[in-house]
Structure formats: C-alpha cells, structure tokens
Amino acid sequence: MNGFDEKKYYQSLGISQIIQVESLKPSKQKQLTLSGLRQQLIWRIDQQYSKRLASYIKG
C-alpha cells in the first residue's frame, strides 16, 4: 500500500473539497481559442465565488 493517496495529498495542501464540472455550454463566440476560453472561465469564477475560493478553483 505505497500508492498515491489523493485524499491525504489534498488535505496536506489544505484542500477539503473537489469541484467537478458536469457540463459545459458552448460559447456564442464564433472563434474561441484555448486562451480565450481560459480567460472567460477565470472571469466567471471571479464573478461567482469569493476571492479565496476563486483562487483555489483557478489553481
């Protein structure tokens, strides 16, 4: 039993919960680059969550 213990690892970093995405909605933009998608997701996270929680989510 020397395998990786994901739960213990995240606890050591002070992370107690994991967020999973169940679905994504397509963007209305015609051409969306990976960089543009990343910026859009970061903006939405910043709008929806507290500063501290948003920093964990973006990490």
PDB file of N, CA and C in Angstrom:
ATOM      1  N   MET A   1       0.822  -1.197   0.000  1.00  0.00           N
ATOM      2  CA  MET A   1       0.000   0.000   0.000  1.00  0.00           C
ATOM      3  C   MET A   1       0.855   1.246   0.000  1.00  0.00           C
ATOM      4  N   ASN A   2       1.757   1.319  -0.915  1.00  0.00           N
ATOM      5  CA  ASN A   2       2.600   2.505  -1.044  1.00  0.00           C
ATOM      6  C   ASN A   2       2.144   3.376  -2.204  1.00  0.00           C
ATOM      7  N   GLY A   3       0.879   3.258  -2.585  1.00  0.00           N
ATOM      8  CA  GLY A   3       0.348   4.032  -3.699  1.00  0.00           C
ATOM      9  C   GLY A   3       0.054   5.472  -3.302  1.00  0.00           C
ATOM     10  N   PHE A   4      -0.278   6.257  -4.283  1.00  0.00           N
ATOM     11  CA  PHE A   4      -0.606   7.664  -4.078  1.00  0.00           C
ATOM     12  C   PHE A   4      -1.957   7.783  -3.392  1.00  0.00           C
ATOM     13  N   ASP A   5      -2.011   8.546  -2.305  1.00  0.00           N
ATOM     14  CA  ASP A   5      -3.249   8.776  -1.575  1.00  0.00           C
ATOM     15  C   ASP A   5      -3.722  10.193  -1.884  1.00  0.00           C
ATOM     16  N   GLU A   6      -4.626  10.293  -2.844  1.00  0.00           N
ATOM     17  CA  GLU A   6      -5.104  11.593  -3.312  1.00  0.00           C
ATOM     18  C   GLU A   6      -5.741  12.413  -2.187  1.00  0.00           C
ATOM     19  N   LYS A   7      -6.586  11.770  -1.390  1.00  0.00           N
ATOM     20  CA  LYS A   7      -7.274  12.481  -0.309  1.00  0.00           C
ATOM     21  C   LYS A   7      -6.271  13.056   0.697  1.00  0.00           C
ATOM     22  N   LYS A   8      -5.300  12.266   1.083  1.00  0.00           N
ATOM     23  CA  LYS A   8      -4.292  12.717   2.044  1.00  0.00           C
ATOM     24  C   LYS A   8      -3.440  13.849   1.454  1.00  0.00           C
ATOM     25  N   TYR A   9      -3.125  13.733   0.166  1.00  0.00           N
ATOM     26  CA  TYR A   9      -2.324  14.759  -0.507  1.00  0.00           C
ATOM     27  C   TYR A   9      -3.046  16.103  -0.486  1.00  0.00           C
ATOM     28  N   TYR A  10      -4.322  16.109  -0.895  1.00  0.00           N
ATOM     29  CA  TYR A  10      -5.074  17.364  -0.918  1.00  0.00           C
ATOM     30  C   TYR A  10      -5.280  17.925   0.487  1.00  0.00           C
ATOM     31  N   GLN A  11      -5.468  17.057   1.458  1.00  0.00           N
ATOM     32  CA  GLN A  11      -5.605  17.530   2.838  1.00  0.00           C
ATOM     33  C   GLN A  11      -4.319  18.205   3.295  1.00  0.00           C
ATOM     34  N   SER A  12      -3.174  17.695   2.869  1.00  0.00           N
ATOM     35  CA  SER A  12      -1.895  18.302   3.253  1.00  0.00           C
ATOM     36  C   SER A  12      -1.740  19.701   2.656  1.00  0.00           C
ATOM     37  N   LEU A  13      -2.467  19.972   1.565  1.00  0.00           N
ATOM     38  CA  LEU A  13      -2.446  21.294   0.939  1.00  0.00           C
ATOM     39  C   LEU A  13      -3.542  22.202   1.485  1.00  0.00           C
ATOM     40  N   GLY A  14      -4.366  21.670   2.388  1.00  0.00           N
ATOM     41  CA  GLY A  14      -5.454  22.450   2.963  1.00  0.00           C
ATOM     42  C   GLY A  14      -6.701  22.453   2.098  1.00  0.00           C
ATOM     43  N   ILE A  15      -6.784  21.519   1.154  1.00  0.00           N
ATOM     44  CA  ILE A  15      -7.940  21.432   0.268  1.00  0.00           C
ATOM     45  C   ILE A  15      -8.848  20.338   0.792  1.00  0.00           C
ATOM     46  N   SER A  16     -10.112  20.692   1.044  1.00  0.00           N
ATOM     47  CA  SER A  16     -11.029  19.720   1.637  1.00  0.00           C
ATOM     48  C   SER A  16     -12.144  19.284   0.705  1.00  0.00           C
ATOM     49  N   GLN A  17     -12.292  19.961  -0.436  1.00  0.00           N
ATOM     50  CA  GLN A  17     -13.371  19.611  -1.363  1.00  0.00           C
ATOM     51  C   GLN A  17     -12.870  19.699  -2.791  1.00  0.00           C
ATOM     52  N   ILE A  18     -13.526  18.964  -3.673  1.00  0.00           N
ATOM     53  CA  ILE A  18     -13.197  18.974  -5.092  1.00  0.00           C
ATOM     54  C   ILE A  18     -14.454  19.349  -5.862  1.00  0.00           C
ATOM     55  N   ILE A  19     -14.305  20.184  -6.851  1.00  0.00           N
ATOM     56  CA  ILE A  19     -15.425  20.588  -7.698  1.00  0.00           C
ATOM     57  C   ILE A  19     -15.298  19.863  -9.027  1.00  0.00           C
ATOM     58  N   GLN A  20     -16.391  19.242  -9.470  1.00  0.00           N
ATOM     59  CA  GLN A  20     -16.409  18.567 -10.754  1.00  0.00           C
ATOM     60  C   GLN A  20     -17.395  19.270 -11.676  1.00  0.00           C
ATOM     61  N   VAL A  21     -16.996  19.440 -12.916  1.00  0.00           N
ATOM     62  CA  VAL A  21     -17.868  20.046 -13.917  1.00  0.00           C
ATOM     63  C   VAL A  21     -18.698  18.934 -14.544  1.00  0.00           C
ATOM     64  N   GLU A  22     -20.010  19.098 -14.525  1.00  0.00           N
ATOM     65  CA  GLU A  22     -20.896  18.092 -15.113  1.00  0.00           C
ATOM     66  C   GLU A  22     -21.211  18.396 -16.566  1.00  0.00           C
ATOM     67  N   SER A  23     -21.197  19.671 -16.921  1.00  0.00           N
ATOM     68  CA  SER A  23     -21.478  20.018 -18.308  1.00  0.00           C
ATOM     69  C   SER A  23     -20.892  21.390 -18.628  1.00  0.00           C
ATOM     70  N   LEU A  24     -20.656  21.616 -19.896  1.00  0.00           N
ATOM     71  CA  LEU A  24     -20.199  22.915 -20.392  1.00  0.00           C
ATOM     72  C   LEU A  24     -21.157  23.360 -21.484  1.00  0.00           C
ATOM     73  N   LYS A  25     -21.460  24.636 -21.496  1.00  0.00           N
ATOM     74  CA  LYS A  25     -22.304  25.178 -22.550  1.00  0.00           C
ATOM     75  C   LYS A  25     -21.412  25.788 -23.620  1.00  0.00           C
ATOM     76  N   PRO A  26     -21.765  25.593 -24.883  1.00  0.00           N
ATOM     77  CA  PRO A  26     -20.944  26.186 -25.945  1.00  0.00           C
ATOM     78  C   PRO A  26     -20.997  27.709 -25.890  1.00  0.00           C
ATOM     79  N   SER A  27     -19.898  28.307 -26.220  1.00  0.00           N
ATOM     80  CA  SER A  27     -19.816  29.766 -26.247  1.00  0.00           C
ATOM     81  C   SER A  27     -20.481  30.299 -27.508  1.00  0.00           C
ATOM     82  N   LYS A  28     -21.010  31.509 -27.430  1.00  0.00           N
ATOM     83  CA  LYS A  28     -21.655  32.129 -28.588  1.00  0.00           C
ATOM     84  C   LYS A  28     -20.630  32.776 -29.518  1.00  0.00           C
ATOM     85  N   GLN A  29     -19.376  32.834 -29.079  1.00  0.00           N
ATOM     86  CA  GLN A  29     -18.332  33.398 -29.928  1.00  0.00           C
ATOM     87  C   GLN A  29     -18.062  32.437 -31.091  1.00  0.00           C
ATOM     88  N   LYS A  30     -17.796  33.006 -32.251  1.00  0.00           N
ATOM     89  CA  LYS A  30     -17.567  32.171 -33.431  1.00  0.00           C
ATOM     90  C   LYS A  30     -16.229  31.455 -33.356  1.00  0.00           C
ATOM     91  N   GLN A  31     -15.183  32.152 -32.983  1.00  0.00           N
ATOM     92  CA  GLN A  31     -13.865  31.544 -32.872  1.00  0.00           C
ATOM     93  C   GLN A  31     -13.373  31.722 -31.441  1.00  0.00           C
ATOM     94  N   LEU A  32     -13.243  30.625 -30.754  1.00  0.00           N
ATOM     95  CA  LEU A  32     -12.802  30.673 -29.369  1.00  0.00           C
ATOM     96  C   LEU A  32     -11.498  29.908 -29.249  1.00  0.00           C
ATOM     97  N   THR A  33     -10.472  30.611 -28.879  1.00  0.00           N
ATOM     98  CA  THR A  33      -9.182  29.962 -28.694  1.00  0.00           C
ATOM     99  C   THR A  33      -9.112  29.391 -27.285  1.00  0.00           C
ATOM    100  N   LEU A  34      -8.163  28.535 -27.055  1.00  0.00           N
ATOM    101  CA  LEU A  34      -7.960  27.982 -25.723  1.00  0.00           C
ATOM    102  C   LEU A  34      -7.662  29.097 -24.727  1.00  0.00           C
ATOM    103  N   SER A  35      -6.872  30.056 -25.141  1.00  0.00           N
ATOM    104  CA  SER A  35      -6.551  31.198 -24.287  1.00  0.00           C
ATOM    105  C   SER A  35      -7.807  32.014 -23.968  1.00  0.00           C
ATOM    106  N   GLY A  36      -8.655  32.209 -24.975  1.00  0.00           N
ATOM    107  CA  GLY A  36      -9.903  32.952 -24.767  1.00  0.00           C
ATOM    108  C   GLY A  36     -10.839  32.222 -23.830  1.00  0.00           C
ATOM    109  N   LEU A  37     -10.918  30.896 -23.976  1.00  0.00           N
ATOM    110  CA  LEU A  37     -11.750  30.089 -23.088  1.00  0.00           C
ATOM    111  C   LEU A  37     -11.248  30.198 -21.653  1.00  0.00           C
ATOM    112  N   ARG A  38      -9.938  30.124 -21.485  1.00  0.00           N
ATOM    113  CA  ARG A  38      -9.337  30.227 -20.145  1.00  0.00           C
ATOM    114  C   ARG A  38      -9.678  31.574 -19.514  1.00  0.00           C
ATOM    115  N   GLN A  39      -9.526  32.650 -20.270  1.00  0.00           N
ATOM    116  CA  GLN A  39      -9.832  33.984 -19.745  1.00  0.00           C
ATOM    117  C   GLN A  39     -11.300  34.106 -19.364  1.00  0.00           C
ATOM    118  N   GLN A  40     -12.166  33.535 -20.184  1.00  0.00           N
ATOM    119  CA  GLN A  40     -13.598  33.582 -19.902  1.00  0.00           C
ATOM    120  C   GLN A  40     -13.933  32.810 -18.627  1.00  0.00           C
ATOM    121  N   LEU A  41     -13.337  31.640 -18.451  1.00  0.00           N
ATOM    122  CA  LEU A  41     -13.582  30.844 -17.250  1.00  0.00           C
ATOM    123  C   LEU A  41     -13.066  31.549 -16.000  1.00  0.00           C
ATOM    124  N   ILE A  42     -11.892  32.138 -16.094  1.00  0.00           N
ATOM    125  CA  ILE A  42     -11.325  32.878 -14.957  1.00  0.00           C
ATOM    126  C   ILE A  42     -12.244  34.031 -14.571  1.00  0.00           C
ATOM    127  N   TRP A  43     -12.741  34.763 -15.568  1.00  0.00           N
ATOM    128  CA  TRP A  43     -13.640  35.881 -15.290  1.00  0.00           C
ATOM    129  C   TRP A  43     -14.903  35.402 -14.584  1.00  0.00           C
ATOM    130  N   ARG A  44     -15.500  34.303 -15.092  1.00  0.00           N
ATOM    131  CA  ARG A  44     -16.729  33.779 -14.481  1.00  0.00           C
ATOM    132  C   ARG A  44     -16.483  33.294 -13.054  1.00  0.00           C
ATOM    133  N   ILE A  45     -15.373  32.647 -12.819  1.00  0.00           N
ATOM    134  CA  ILE A  45     -15.030  32.181 -11.468  1.00  0.00           C
ATOM    135  C   ILE A  45     -14.902  33.376 -10.529  1.00  0.00           C
ATOM    136  N   ASP A  46     -14.215  34.425 -10.990  1.00  0.00           N
ATOM    137  CA  ASP A  46     -14.039  35.624 -10.160  1.00  0.00           C
ATOM    138  C   ASP A  46     -15.377  36.297  -9.839  1.00  0.00           C
ATOM    139  N   GLN A  47     -16.336  36.228 -10.762  1.00  0.00           N
ATOM    140  CA  GLN A  47     -17.633  36.844 -10.546  1.00  0.00           C
ATOM    141  C   GLN A  47     -18.505  36.051  -9.585  1.00  0.00           C
ATOM    142  N   GLN A  48     -18.336  34.737  -9.570  1.00  0.00           N
ATOM    143  CA  GLN A  48     -19.267  33.867  -8.851  1.00  0.00           C
ATOM    144  C   GLN A  48     -18.812  33.462  -7.450  1.00  0.00           C
ATOM    145  N   TYR A  49     -17.511  33.476  -7.191  1.00  0.00           N
ATOM    146  CA  TYR A  49     -17.003  32.962  -5.924  1.00  0.00           C
ATOM    147  C   TYR A  49     -16.211  34.019  -5.164  1.00  0.00           C
ATOM    148  N   SER A  50     -16.055  33.783  -3.870  1.00  0.00           N
ATOM    149  CA  SER A  50     -15.245  34.688  -3.058  1.00  0.00           C
ATOM    150  C   SER A  50     -13.803  34.667  -3.566  1.00  0.00           C
ATOM    151  N   LYS A  51     -13.056  35.699  -3.230  1.00  0.00           N
ATOM    152  CA  LYS A  51     -11.677  35.799  -3.705  1.00  0.00           C
ATOM    153  C   LYS A  51     -10.851  34.580  -3.301  1.00  0.00           C
ATOM    154  N   ARG A  52     -11.001  34.126  -2.067  1.00  0.00           N
ATOM    155  CA  ARG A  52     -10.223  32.985  -1.577  1.00  0.00           C
ATOM    156  C   ARG A  52     -10.610  31.705  -2.313  1.00  0.00           C
ATOM    157  N   LEU A  53     -11.906  31.432  -2.416  1.00  0.00           N
ATOM    158  CA  LEU A  53     -12.352  30.221  -3.089  1.00  0.00           C
ATOM    159  C   LEU A  53     -11.991  30.262  -4.574  1.00  0.00           C
ATOM    160  N   ALA A  54     -12.125  31.423  -5.190  1.00  0.00           N
ATOM    161  CA  ALA A  54     -11.774  31.559  -6.604  1.00  0.00           C
ATOM    162  C   ALA A  54     -10.299  31.232  -6.848  1.00  0.00           C
ATOM    163  N   SER A  55      -9.436  31.622  -5.927  1.00  0.00           N
ATOM    164  CA  SER A  55      -8.009  31.325  -6.109  1.00  0.00           C
ATOM    165  C   SER A  55      -7.761  29.817  -6.061  1.00  0.00           C
ATOM    166  N   TYR A  56      -8.487  29.087  -5.222  1.00  0.00           N
ATOM    167  CA  TYR A  56      -8.355  27.626  -5.185  1.00  0.00           C
ATOM    168  C   TYR A  56      -8.884  26.985  -6.465  1.00  0.00           C
ATOM    169  N   ILE A  57     -10.018  27.461  -6.923  1.00  0.00           N
ATOM    170  CA  ILE A  57     -10.630  26.898  -8.134  1.00  0.00           C
ATOM    171  C   ILE A  57      -9.704  27.122  -9.333  1.00  0.00           C
ATOM    172  N   LYS A  58      -9.177  28.316  -9.444  1.00  0.00           N
ATOM    173  CA  LYS A  58      -8.298  28.622 -10.581  1.00  0.00           C
ATOM    174  C   LYS A  58      -6.980  27.858 -10.498  1.00  0.00           C
ATOM    175  N   GLY A  59      -6.580  27.524  -9.291  1.00  0.00           N
ATOM    176  CA  GLY A  59      -5.343  26.748  -9.101  1.00  0.00           C
ATOM    177  C   GLY A  59      -5.501  25.353  -9.605  1.00  0.00           C
TER     178      GLY A  59
END
